[in-house]
C-alpha cells in the first residue's frame, strides 16, 4: 500500500467522505426524481383539457422547477461530486483504485449518461419557450431517462462494495455489477428519489400559488402528480426488508447487533416515510391534493422525512459493511484480505507493515532499507504509533471523532496485547491486525501508553471538578 495517510484534524477523513457523499447522494437522488416528475407532468399537459390559464400556470411551475434542477443538481451536484472524488481518493485510495480499474467501462457509461443528462436539462430549461412542445417533452424524457440511467450504473458499483457476490471468485464485470443487493438497492433509491422530488414540488407549488395566484385547476393538477411521487414512499419498508435479506449474512447480523442503533434510526425514519406515503394517498383520495398545496408544513415534513431516510440509508449501508471497504476483499484499514492477496498477507506477516509502507517513516528518513533502520532507533511505543497510523487512523482520530484514547482508558499491557491478537474475533466489525509479532507488541505498548495517559487525564479532570 504505497499511499500516504490523510490526516484530517478532529473529524478524520472518513467523516469528511460521509458528509460530502451524503450531500451528493441527496442531490443526485433529487435530480433523478425531479427529471421523472417534469417529464410526467409536461407529458400530462398534452392530454390536458384545461383552460389556457391553467396550462400557463403549469408551464410556470415547470420553469420554476427547472430552475431548481439547474441550481441544485447541476451546480451543487457537480461541486459535491468533485468533492467525493477528491475525498475518497485521499482517504481510501486503494478502494478508489479498485472501483476505477474493475468498473472502468461502467464509469465511462455513467459519464456519457451524465453529459447527456446535463445537456438535456439545460436545453429543456433554456429552450422552454422556444422549442415546440412535442420536442420539449422529448428532451424532458431524455433528461429523465439519462438521470435514472446514471443512478442505475452508480448503484451497481456502490452496491458491489457491500455485496460483491460471485465477483470475488470470477472478477467478472457483470458478476460485480449485478451483485446480490443491486436490485433491492436500486428499488430503494428510486423510491427515495421520487419522494424527494415530490416533496420539493409540493413546496414550490405552494410558493407559486401564494406568489402569483396560481389557478385552482393547475394547483390541484401539480399537487396530484407530486402526491403520487410522495406516495411511493409506502414501499420503503418492504424494499428495506428485501435489501437486508440480500446483504451478506454477517452484515445482517451486524445490522441487528452492534449496528442496531443505526438500524433502529433507519427503521424509525422509514416508518415515518411510509406514513408520509400513506398521507399522500389519503390526500389524493380525500383531500384532492389541496391540503398539500395550501399548507406548507406537511410539504416541509415530507421533505425532511425523505432527506432523513436517504441519509440514514447511506449510514446503515456504511455501518453494516464493516470491517470492509469492499466486502470480503479489502479491509477498512486499507489492507487486502488474506484470500484476496495471499502474497501481501505473507509479506505483512514476515516483514511487517512498516517495511511495506514507506509513507510511515519519520520525516527525512528516506525509503527502502532506511525505513527499517530509522524505525529501529525509535522506542517500542513510537513504533507502535507508526503502526497505529497504518492500521487504525482510517477510523480512529486521536483527540477527535471515534477517538481511541477513551476506548482503551485503563487498559493493562496484557489486555492491550490480548485484544490486538483477537481483535477481529471479539469485535467482528474490526479488521484483523496486519503485521508481524514485533509490530503487534509495539502497537500494544502504544495503546497501553495511550490508555494510561487517558486515565490520568480523566482523573486529573475529576479532581479539578471537585
Protein backbone atom coordinates (compact mmCIF):
# COMPACT_ATOMS: atom_id res chain seq x y z
CA UNK A 1 0.00 0.00 0.00
CA UNK A 2 2.11 2.91 -1.27
CA UNK A 3 -0.24 5.74 -0.31
CA UNK A 4 0.35 8.40 2.35
CA UNK A 5 -2.22 8.62 5.16
CA UNK A 6 -4.64 11.56 5.02
CA UNK A 7 -4.71 13.24 8.42
CA UNK A 8 -7.78 15.45 8.90
CA UNK A 9 -7.73 17.11 12.34
CA UNK A 10 -10.52 16.15 14.73
CA UNK A 11 -13.10 14.78 12.25
CA UNK A 12 -10.91 12.40 10.22
CA UNK A 13 -11.06 11.55 6.54
CA UNK A 14 -13.90 9.05 6.97
CA UNK A 15 -16.30 11.67 8.29
CA UNK A 16 -15.32 14.06 5.50
CA UNK A 17 -16.34 11.39 2.99
CA UNK A 18 -19.58 10.71 4.89
CA UNK A 19 -20.59 14.38 4.88
CA UNK A 20 -19.73 15.07 1.24
CA UNK A 21 -21.09 11.75 -0.04
CA UNK A 22 -24.40 12.04 1.82
CA UNK A 23 -24.90 15.56 0.45
CA UNK A 24 -24.14 14.39 -3.09
CA UNK A 25 -26.38 11.33 -2.82
CA UNK A 26 -29.31 13.51 -1.74
CA UNK A 27 -28.72 15.92 -4.63
CA UNK A 28 -28.30 13.10 -7.15
CA UNK A 29 -31.45 11.34 -5.97
CA UNK A 30 -33.41 14.58 -6.24
CA UNK A 31 -32.14 15.04 -9.81
CA UNK A 32 -33.47 11.60 -10.76
CA UNK A 33 -36.90 12.11 -9.23
CA UNK A 34 -37.17 15.69 -10.50
CA UNK A 35 -36.48 14.59 -14.06
CA UNK A 36 -39.20 11.96 -13.92
CA UNK A 37 -41.66 14.41 -12.38
CA UNK A 38 -41.01 17.07 -15.03
CA UNK A 39 -41.35 14.54 -17.85
CA UNK A 40 -44.59 13.10 -16.45
CA UNK A 41 -46.15 16.49 -15.73
CA UNK A 42 -45.13 18.04 -19.07
CA UNK A 43 -46.38 14.99 -20.97
CA UNK A 44 -49.61 15.18 -19.00
CA UNK A 45 -50.18 18.64 -20.45
CA UNK A 46 -50.52 17.13 -23.92
CA UNK A 47 -53.77 15.47 -22.90
CA UNK A 48 -54.86 18.21 -20.52
CA UNK A 49 -58.21 19.68 -21.45
CA UNK A 50 -57.96 22.64 -19.08
CA UNK A 51 -58.04 26.32 -19.89
CA UNK A 52 -55.16 28.30 -21.36
CA UNK A 53 -54.69 29.95 -17.98
CA UNK A 54 -54.36 26.54 -16.34
CA UNK A 55 -51.78 25.44 -18.91
CA UNK A 56 -49.86 28.67 -18.39
CA UNK A 57 -49.79 28.07 -14.64
CA UNK A 58 -48.42 24.55 -15.09
CA UNK A 59 -45.79 25.85 -17.52
CA UNK A 60 -44.81 28.50 -14.98
CA UNK A 61 -44.34 25.77 -12.38
CA UNK A 62 -42.21 23.74 -14.80
CA UNK A 63 -39.96 26.75 -15.37
CA UNK A 64 -39.56 27.27 -11.61
CA UNK A 65 -38.90 23.59 -11.03
CA UNK A 66 -36.41 23.57 -13.91
CA UNK A 67 -34.52 26.43 -12.25
CA UNK A 68 -34.30 24.39 -9.05
CA UNK A 69 -32.92 21.43 -11.02
CA UNK A 70 -30.26 23.64 -12.62
CA UNK A 71 -29.12 25.18 -9.33
CA UNK A 72 -29.32 22.08 -7.14
CA UNK A 73 -28.46 19.22 -9.49
CA UNK A 74 -26.10 20.81 -11.98
CA UNK A 75 -24.30 23.35 -9.77
CA UNK A 76 -24.32 21.92 -6.23
CA UNK A 77 -24.36 18.37 -7.59
CA UNK A 78 -21.26 18.86 -9.73
CA UNK A 79 -19.36 20.56 -6.90
CA UNK A 80 -20.23 17.82 -4.39
CA UNK A 81 -19.40 15.15 -7.00
CA UNK A 82 -15.90 16.58 -7.39
CA UNK A 83 -15.69 16.71 -3.60
CA UNK A 84 -16.43 12.98 -3.38
CA UNK A 85 -13.67 12.02 -5.81
CA UNK A 86 -11.24 14.31 -4.02
CA UNK A 87 -12.02 13.00 -0.54
CA UNK A 88 -12.24 9.28 -1.35
CA UNK A 89 -9.03 9.43 -3.36
CA UNK A 90 -7.22 10.80 -0.30
CA UNK A 91 -8.95 8.81 2.45
CA UNK A 92 -9.37 5.46 0.63
CA UNK A 93 -7.05 5.47 -2.38
CA UNK A 94 -6.87 1.71 -2.67
CA UNK A 95 -10.65 1.28 -2.67
CA UNK A 96 -10.93 4.07 -5.23
CA UNK A 97 -8.37 2.34 -7.43
CA UNK A 98 -10.27 -0.95 -7.24
CA UNK A 99 -13.55 0.69 -8.24
CA UNK A 100 -11.96 2.55 -11.14
CA UNK A 101 -9.97 -0.37 -12.54
CA UNK A 102 -12.65 -3.05 -12.20
CA UNK A 103 -15.54 -0.84 -13.37
CA UNK A 104 -13.78 1.34 -15.93
CA UNK A 105 -16.43 0.88 -18.62
CA UNK A 106 -19.19 1.36 -16.07
CA UNK A 107 -17.76 4.75 -15.15
CA UNK A 108 -17.34 5.59 -18.83
CA UNK A 109 -21.02 4.80 -19.45
CA UNK A 110 -22.02 6.85 -16.42
CA UNK A 111 -20.08 9.86 -17.65
CA UNK A 112 -21.74 9.66 -21.07
CA UNK A 113 -25.15 9.48 -19.39
CA UNK A 114 -24.23 12.39 -17.12
CA UNK A 115 -23.14 14.60 -20.04
CA UNK A 116 -26.38 13.89 -21.90
CA UNK A 117 -28.35 14.47 -18.67
CA UNK A 118 -26.79 17.88 -18.09
CA UNK A 119 -27.08 18.92 -21.74
CA UNK A 120 -30.73 17.91 -22.00
CA UNK A 121 -31.51 19.63 -18.68
CA UNK A 122 -30.08 22.92 -19.91
CA UNK A 123 -31.79 22.57 -23.29
CA UNK A 124 -35.11 21.94 -21.58
CA UNK A 125 -34.81 24.94 -19.26
CA UNK A 126 -33.40 27.50 -21.66
CA UNK A 127 -35.44 26.26 -24.63
CA UNK A 128 -38.69 26.00 -22.71
CA UNK A 129 -40.40 28.85 -24.59
CA UNK A 130 -38.70 28.37 -27.96
CA UNK A 131 -38.88 24.62 -28.51
CA UNK A 132 -42.11 23.13 -29.86
CA UNK A 133 -44.00 21.47 -27.01
CA UNK A 134 -43.60 18.00 -28.53
CA UNK A 135 -39.81 18.34 -28.83
CA UNK A 136 -39.58 19.86 -25.37
CA UNK A 137 -41.27 16.77 -23.93
CA UNK A 138 -38.84 14.51 -25.79
CA UNK A 139 -35.96 16.45 -24.22
CA UNK A 140 -37.63 16.09 -20.81
CA UNK A 141 -37.80 12.32 -21.20
CA UNK A 142 -34.18 12.19 -22.39
CA UNK A 143 -33.18 14.01 -19.22
CA UNK A 144 -35.32 11.72 -17.05
CA UNK A 145 -34.01 8.58 -18.73
CA UNK A 146 -30.33 9.51 -18.54
CA UNK A 147 -30.65 10.69 -14.94
CA UNK A 148 -32.17 7.36 -13.90
CA UNK A 149 -29.65 5.53 -16.10
CA UNK A 150 -26.84 7.26 -14.22
CA UNK A 151 -28.40 6.08 -10.96
CA UNK A 152 -28.64 2.57 -12.41
CA UNK A 153 -24.91 2.46 -13.19
CA UNK A 154 -23.65 4.08 -9.98
CA UNK A 155 -25.96 1.87 -7.91
CA UNK A 156 -24.30 -1.22 -9.38
CA UNK A 157 -20.85 0.00 -8.36
CA UNK A 158 -21.83 1.19 -4.88
CA UNK A 159 -23.84 -1.93 -4.04
CA UNK A 160 -20.86 -4.02 -5.17
CA UNK A 161 -18.88 -2.68 -2.21
CA UNK A 162 -21.32 -4.29 0.23
CA UNK A 163 -22.09 -7.47 -1.68
CA UNK A 164 -19.56 -8.34 -4.41
CA UNK A 165 -21.06 -11.83 -4.62
CA UNK A 166 -19.53 -14.13 -7.23
CA UNK A 167 -17.11 -11.39 -8.31
CA UNK A 168 -14.77 -12.48 -5.51
CA UNK A 169 -14.09 -15.70 -7.46
CA UNK A 170 -14.64 -14.60 -11.07
CA UNK A 171 -13.64 -10.90 -11.12
CA UNK A 172 -16.17 -10.63 -13.93
CA UNK A 173 -17.59 -7.15 -14.52
CA UNK A 174 -21.21 -8.30 -14.68
CA UNK A 175 -20.92 -10.51 -11.59
CA UNK A 176 -19.76 -7.47 -9.64
CA UNK A 177 -22.27 -5.09 -11.20
CA UNK A 178 -25.40 -7.22 -10.88
CA UNK A 179 -24.50 -8.24 -7.35
CA UNK A 180 -26.94 -9.60 -4.72
CA UNK A 181 -28.04 -6.17 -3.42
CA UNK A 182 -28.24 -4.47 -6.84
CA UNK A 183 -31.99 -4.72 -7.39
CA UNK A 184 -33.21 -4.00 -3.83
CA UNK A 185 -30.78 -1.07 -3.62
CA UNK A 186 -32.00 0.29 -6.97
CA UNK A 187 -35.63 -0.04 -5.87
CA UNK A 188 -34.93 1.79 -2.60
CA UNK A 189 -33.01 4.58 -4.29
CA UNK A 190 -35.66 5.06 -6.96
CA UNK A 191 -38.42 5.37 -4.36
CA UNK A 192 -36.37 7.85 -2.32
CA UNK A 193 -35.70 9.86 -5.50
CA UNK A 194 -39.41 10.09 -6.25
CA UNK A 195 -40.24 11.06 -2.67
CA UNK A 196 -37.64 13.84 -2.59
CA UNK A 197 -38.79 15.32 -5.89
CA UNK A 198 -42.46 15.12 -4.94
CA UNK A 199 -41.87 16.90 -1.63
CA UNK A 200 -39.87 19.70 -3.26
CA UNK A 201 -42.57 20.12 -5.91
CA UNK A 202 -45.25 20.49 -3.24
CA UNK A 203 -43.24 23.24 -1.57
CA UNK A 204 -42.71 25.06 -4.88
CA UNK A 205 -46.34 24.86 -5.96
CA UNK A 206 -47.41 26.22 -2.61
CA UNK A 207 -44.99 29.14 -3.01
CA UNK A 208 -46.09 29.72 -6.60
CA UNK A 209 -49.73 29.69 -5.60
CA UNK A 210 -49.10 32.33 -2.92
CA UNK A 211 -46.82 34.43 -5.15
CA UNK A 212 -48.93 34.83 -8.28
CA UNK A 213 -52.39 33.49 -7.58
CA UNK A 214 -51.96 30.03 -9.07
CA UNK A 215 -55.21 28.80 -10.59
CA UNK A 216 -57.10 26.14 -8.66
CA UNK A 217 -57.07 23.64 -11.53
CA UNK A 218 -53.30 23.94 -12.09
CA UNK A 219 -52.58 23.77 -8.38
CA UNK A 220 -54.58 20.59 -7.99
CA UNK A 221 -53.05 19.02 -11.07
CA UNK A 222 -49.46 19.68 -9.98
CA UNK A 223 -50.20 18.62 -6.41
CA UNK A 224 -51.76 15.41 -7.67
CA UNK A 225 -48.63 14.45 -9.62
CA UNK A 226 -46.35 15.41 -6.73
CA UNK A 227 -48.51 13.47 -4.28
CA UNK A 228 -48.20 10.33 -6.41
CA UNK A 229 -44.41 10.63 -6.19
CA UNK A 230 -44.52 11.09 -2.40
CA UNK A 231 -46.96 8.18 -2.11
CA UNK A 232 -44.33 5.76 -3.44
CA UNK A 233 -42.62 6.08 -0.04
CA UNK A 234 -45.09 3.46 1.25
CA UNK A 235 -42.80 0.94 -0.46
CA UNK A 236 -39.73 1.84 1.57
CA UNK A 237 -40.27 -0.74 4.36
CA UNK A 238 -40.85 -3.79 2.10
CA UNK A 239 -37.94 -2.71 -0.11
CA UNK A 240 -35.76 -2.30 3.00
CA UNK A 241 -36.60 -5.84 4.10
CA UNK A 242 -35.76 -7.02 0.58
CA UNK A 243 -32.45 -5.14 0.79
CA UNK A 244 -31.44 -6.53 4.20
CA UNK A 245 -32.26 -10.06 3.08
CA UNK A 246 -29.87 -9.69 0.13
CA UNK A 247 -26.96 -8.47 2.29
CA UNK A 248 -24.17 -10.86 3.36
CA UNK A 249 -25.12 -12.89 6.42
CA UNK A 250 -22.50 -11.24 8.64
CA UNK A 251 -23.77 -7.81 7.57
CA UNK A 252 -27.31 -8.84 8.53
CA UNK A 253 -26.07 -9.88 11.98
CA UNK A 254 -24.26 -6.57 12.32
CA UNK A 255 -27.41 -4.66 11.33
CA UNK A 256 -29.32 -6.45 14.08
CA UNK A 257 -26.44 -6.41 16.58
CA UNK A 258 -23.64 -3.89 17.09
CA UNK A 259 -25.05 -1.54 14.43
CA UNK A 260 -28.56 -1.79 15.83
CA UNK A 261 -28.65 1.88 16.79
CA UNK A 262 -28.13 2.83 13.15
CA UNK A 263 -30.69 0.26 12.04
CA UNK A 264 -33.21 1.43 14.64
CA UNK A 265 -32.81 5.03 13.49
CA UNK A 266 -33.33 4.00 9.88
CA UNK A 267 -36.41 1.94 10.74
CA UNK A 268 -37.96 4.89 12.59
CA UNK A 269 -37.31 7.17 9.63
CA UNK A 270 -38.52 4.52 7.17
CA UNK A 271 -41.71 4.19 9.22
CA UNK A 272 -42.23 7.94 9.04
CA UNK A 273 -41.57 7.85 5.30
CA UNK A 274 -44.18 5.12 4.87
CA UNK A 275 -46.61 7.19 6.92
CA UNK A 276 -45.88 10.14 4.63
CA UNK A 277 -46.71 7.95 1.66
CA UNK A 278 -49.98 6.90 3.26
CA UNK A 279 -50.78 10.55 3.99
CA UNK A 280 -50.14 11.41 0.34
CA UNK A 281 -52.52 8.65 -0.75
CA UNK A 282 -55.14 9.94 1.68
CA UNK A 283 -54.73 13.50 0.39
CA UNK A 284 -55.18 12.38 -3.20
CA UNK A 285 -58.30 10.39 -2.35
CA UNK A 286 -59.99 12.61 0.19
CA UNK A 287 -58.13 15.91 0.19
CA UNK A 288 -57.98 16.26 -3.61
CA UNK A 289 -54.32 17.19 -3.25
CA UNK A 290 -55.35 20.53 -1.81
CA UNK A 291 -54.06 20.05 1.71
CA UNK A 292 -50.54 19.64 0.40
CA UNK A 293 -50.71 22.76 -1.74
CA UNK A 294 -52.34 25.08 0.77
CA UNK A 295 -50.28 24.11 3.82
CA UNK A 296 -46.51 24.45 3.82
CA UNK A 297 -45.99 22.39 6.99
CA UNK A 298 -47.00 18.98 5.51
CA UNK A 299 -44.82 19.54 2.45
CA UNK A 300 -41.82 20.53 4.57
CA UNK A 301 -42.39 17.50 6.79
CA UNK A 302 -42.40 15.24 3.71
CA UNK A 303 -39.12 16.75 2.54
CA UNK A 304 -37.41 16.41 5.93
CA UNK A 305 -38.52 12.78 6.21
CA UNK A 306 -37.34 11.94 2.68
CA UNK A 307 -33.99 13.62 3.37
CA UNK A 308 -33.58 11.73 6.65
CA UNK A 309 -34.47 8.40 5.01
CA UNK A 310 -31.92 8.94 2.22
CA UNK A 311 -29.15 9.94 4.66
CA UNK A 312 -29.88 7.13 7.13
CA UNK A 313 -29.84 4.52 4.36
CA UNK A 314 -26.30 5.62 3.49
CA UNK A 315 -25.24 5.43 7.14
CA UNK A 316 -26.66 1.93 7.53
CA UNK A 317 -25.01 0.77 4.30
CA UNK A 318 -21.65 2.04 5.52
CA UNK A 319 -22.18 0.71 9.05
CA UNK A 320 -23.03 -2.89 8.15
CA UNK A 321 -20.16 -3.12 5.64
CA UNK A 322 -17.59 -3.13 8.46
CA UNK A 323 -14.84 -4.23 8.69
CA UNK A 324 -14.53 -3.94 4.91
CA UNK A 325 -14.38 -1.26 2.25
CA UNK A 326 -15.09 -3.95 -0.35
CA UNK A 327 -16.76 -6.88 1.38
CA UNK A 328 -14.52 -9.96 1.84
CA UNK A 329 -11.86 -8.27 -0.30
CA UNK A 330 -10.46 -5.03 1.16
CA UNK A 331 -10.42 -4.12 4.86
CA UNK A 332 -11.32 -0.66 6.15
CA UNK A 333 -7.68 -0.31 7.22
CA UNK A 334 -6.69 -0.36 3.55
CA UNK A 335 -5.12 -3.84 3.50
CA UNK A 336 -6.35 -6.75 1.40
CA UNK A 337 -7.83 -9.88 2.93
CA UNK A 338 -5.56 -12.92 3.00
CA UNK A 339 -7.79 -14.68 0.44
CA UNK A 340 -7.74 -11.70 -1.93
CA UNK A 341 -3.97 -11.18 -1.84
CA UNK A 342 -2.05 -14.05 -0.16
CA UNK A 343 1.27 -12.55 -1.24
CA UNK A 344 0.61 -9.30 0.61
CA UNK A 345 -0.62 -11.21 3.67
CA UNK A 346 2.61 -13.25 3.79
CA UNK A 347 4.71 -10.11 3.36
CA UNK A 348 2.87 -8.39 6.21
CA UNK A 349 3.37 -11.36 8.49
CA UNK A 350 7.04 -11.75 7.57
CA UNK A 351 8.34 -8.21 7.07
CA UNK A 352 5.66 -6.16 8.80
CA UNK A 353 3.55 -3.19 7.83
CA UNK A 354 6.32 -0.65 8.42
CA UNK A 355 8.51 -2.26 5.79
CA UNK A 356 5.69 -2.17 3.21
CA UNK A 357 4.56 1.41 3.79
CA UNK A 358 7.36 3.96 3.25
CA UNK A 359 5.00 6.87 3.98
CA UNK A 360 5.02 5.98 7.67
CA UNK A 361 8.74 6.64 8.07
CA UNK A 362 9.87 9.63 10.14
CA UNK A 363 10.47 12.82 8.17
CA UNK A 364 13.75 12.82 6.31
CA UNK A 365 14.41 9.12 6.82
CA UNK A 366 14.37 8.17 3.15
CA UNK A 367 12.97 4.93 1.72
CA UNK A 368 13.85 1.27 1.36
CA UNK A 369 16.23 -0.16 3.95
CA UNK A 370 16.50 3.26 5.57
CA UNK A 371 12.91 2.92 6.78
CA UNK A 372 13.68 -0.13 8.89
CA UNK A 373 16.89 1.44 10.18
CA UNK A 374 15.10 4.63 11.29
CA UNK A 375 12.25 2.75 12.96
CA UNK A 376 14.72 0.61 14.83
CA UNK A 377 16.03 3.73 16.57
CA UNK A 378 12.57 4.54 17.97
CA UNK A 379 11.07 3.25 21.20
CA UNK A 380 8.51 0.48 21.06
CA UNK A 381 5.64 2.89 21.72
CA UNK A 382 6.89 5.25 18.98
CA UNK A 383 6.99 2.38 16.52
CA UNK A 384 3.53 1.47 17.74
CA UNK A 385 2.31 4.95 16.84
CA UNK A 386 3.54 4.42 13.27
CA UNK A 387 1.71 1.08 13.19
CA UNK A 388 -1.38 2.86 14.53
CA UNK A 389 -1.28 5.26 11.57
CA UNK A 390 -1.14 2.31 9.16
CA UNK A 391 -3.80 0.21 10.89
CA UNK A 392 -6.16 2.37 12.91
CA UNK A 393 -6.05 6.00 11.80
CA UNK A 394 -8.51 5.42 8.93
CA UNK A 395 -11.32 5.12 11.50
CA UNK A 396 -9.92 6.40 14.82
CA UNK A 397 -8.94 10.06 15.02
CA UNK A 398 -6.87 10.92 18.10
CA UNK A 399 -8.49 13.74 20.05
CA UNK A 400 -11.47 13.77 17.70
CA UNK A 401 -14.18 11.60 16.20
CA UNK A 402 -14.05 7.96 17.36
CA UNK A 403 -11.01 8.76 19.50
CA UNK A 404 -9.16 5.61 20.55
CA UNK A 405 -7.97 7.02 23.89
CA UNK A 406 -11.31 6.81 25.76
CA UNK A 407 -11.88 3.31 24.37
CA UNK A 408 -8.62 1.95 25.78
CA UNK A 409 -8.67 4.02 29.01
CA UNK A 410 -7.25 1.97 31.87
CA UNK A 411 -6.22 -1.00 29.72
CA UNK A 412 -3.28 -3.00 31.05
CA UNK A 413 -0.39 -4.00 28.78
CA UNK A 414 -1.60 -7.60 28.88
CA UNK A 415 -5.15 -6.66 27.90
CA UNK A 416 -3.94 -4.48 25.02
CA UNK A 417 -1.81 -7.31 23.66
CA UNK A 418 -4.61 -9.85 24.06
CA UNK A 419 -7.18 -7.62 22.35
CA UNK A 420 -4.90 -6.97 19.38
CA UNK A 421 -4.27 -10.68 18.95
CA UNK A 422 -8.01 -11.48 18.85
CA UNK A 423 -9.49 -8.14 17.78
CA UNK A 424 -11.46 -9.38 14.76
CA UNK A 425 -12.82 -12.32 16.74
CA UNK A 426 -14.08 -10.32 19.72
CA UNK A 427 -15.20 -7.30 17.72
CA UNK A 428 -16.14 -8.67 14.33
CA UNK A 429 -16.69 -5.19 12.89
CA UNK A 430 -12.91 -4.59 13.27
CA UNK A 431 -10.30 -5.83 10.77
CA UNK A 432 -7.63 -8.26 12.00
CA UNK A 433 -4.18 -6.98 12.87
CA UNK A 434 -1.92 -6.75 9.81
CA UNK A 435 1.79 -7.02 10.58
CA UNK A 436 4.37 -9.16 12.36
CA UNK A 437 4.59 -10.06 16.04
CA UNK A 438 7.11 -7.30 16.83
CA UNK A 439 4.76 -4.65 15.41
CA UNK A 440 1.84 -6.09 17.30
CA UNK A 441 3.85 -5.80 20.51
CA UNK A 442 4.81 -2.22 19.62
CA UNK A 443 1.17 -1.29 18.97
CA UNK A 444 0.19 -2.88 22.28
CA UNK A 445 2.78 -0.66 24.01
CA UNK A 446 1.38 2.41 22.28
CA UNK A 447 -2.23 1.50 23.10
CA UNK A 448 -1.31 0.84 26.73
CA UNK A 449 0.52 4.17 26.92
CA UNK A 450 -2.44 5.93 25.30
CA UNK A 451 -4.88 4.34 27.73
CA UNK A 452 -2.70 5.23 30.72
CA UNK A 453 -2.47 8.86 29.62
CA UNK A 454 -6.23 8.99 29.05
CA UNK A 455 -6.89 7.55 32.52
CA UNK A 456 -4.55 10.06 34.14
CA UNK A 457 -6.16 12.93 32.25
CA UNK A 458 -9.61 11.75 33.32
CA UNK A 459 -8.58 11.51 36.97
CA UNK A 460 -6.98 14.97 36.84
CA UNK A 461 -10.18 16.38 35.38
CA UNK A 462 -12.25 14.78 38.16
CA UNK A 463 -10.02 16.31 40.85
CA UNK A 464 -10.33 19.75 39.25
CA UNK A 465 -14.13 19.48 39.23
CA UNK A 466 -14.11 18.53 42.90
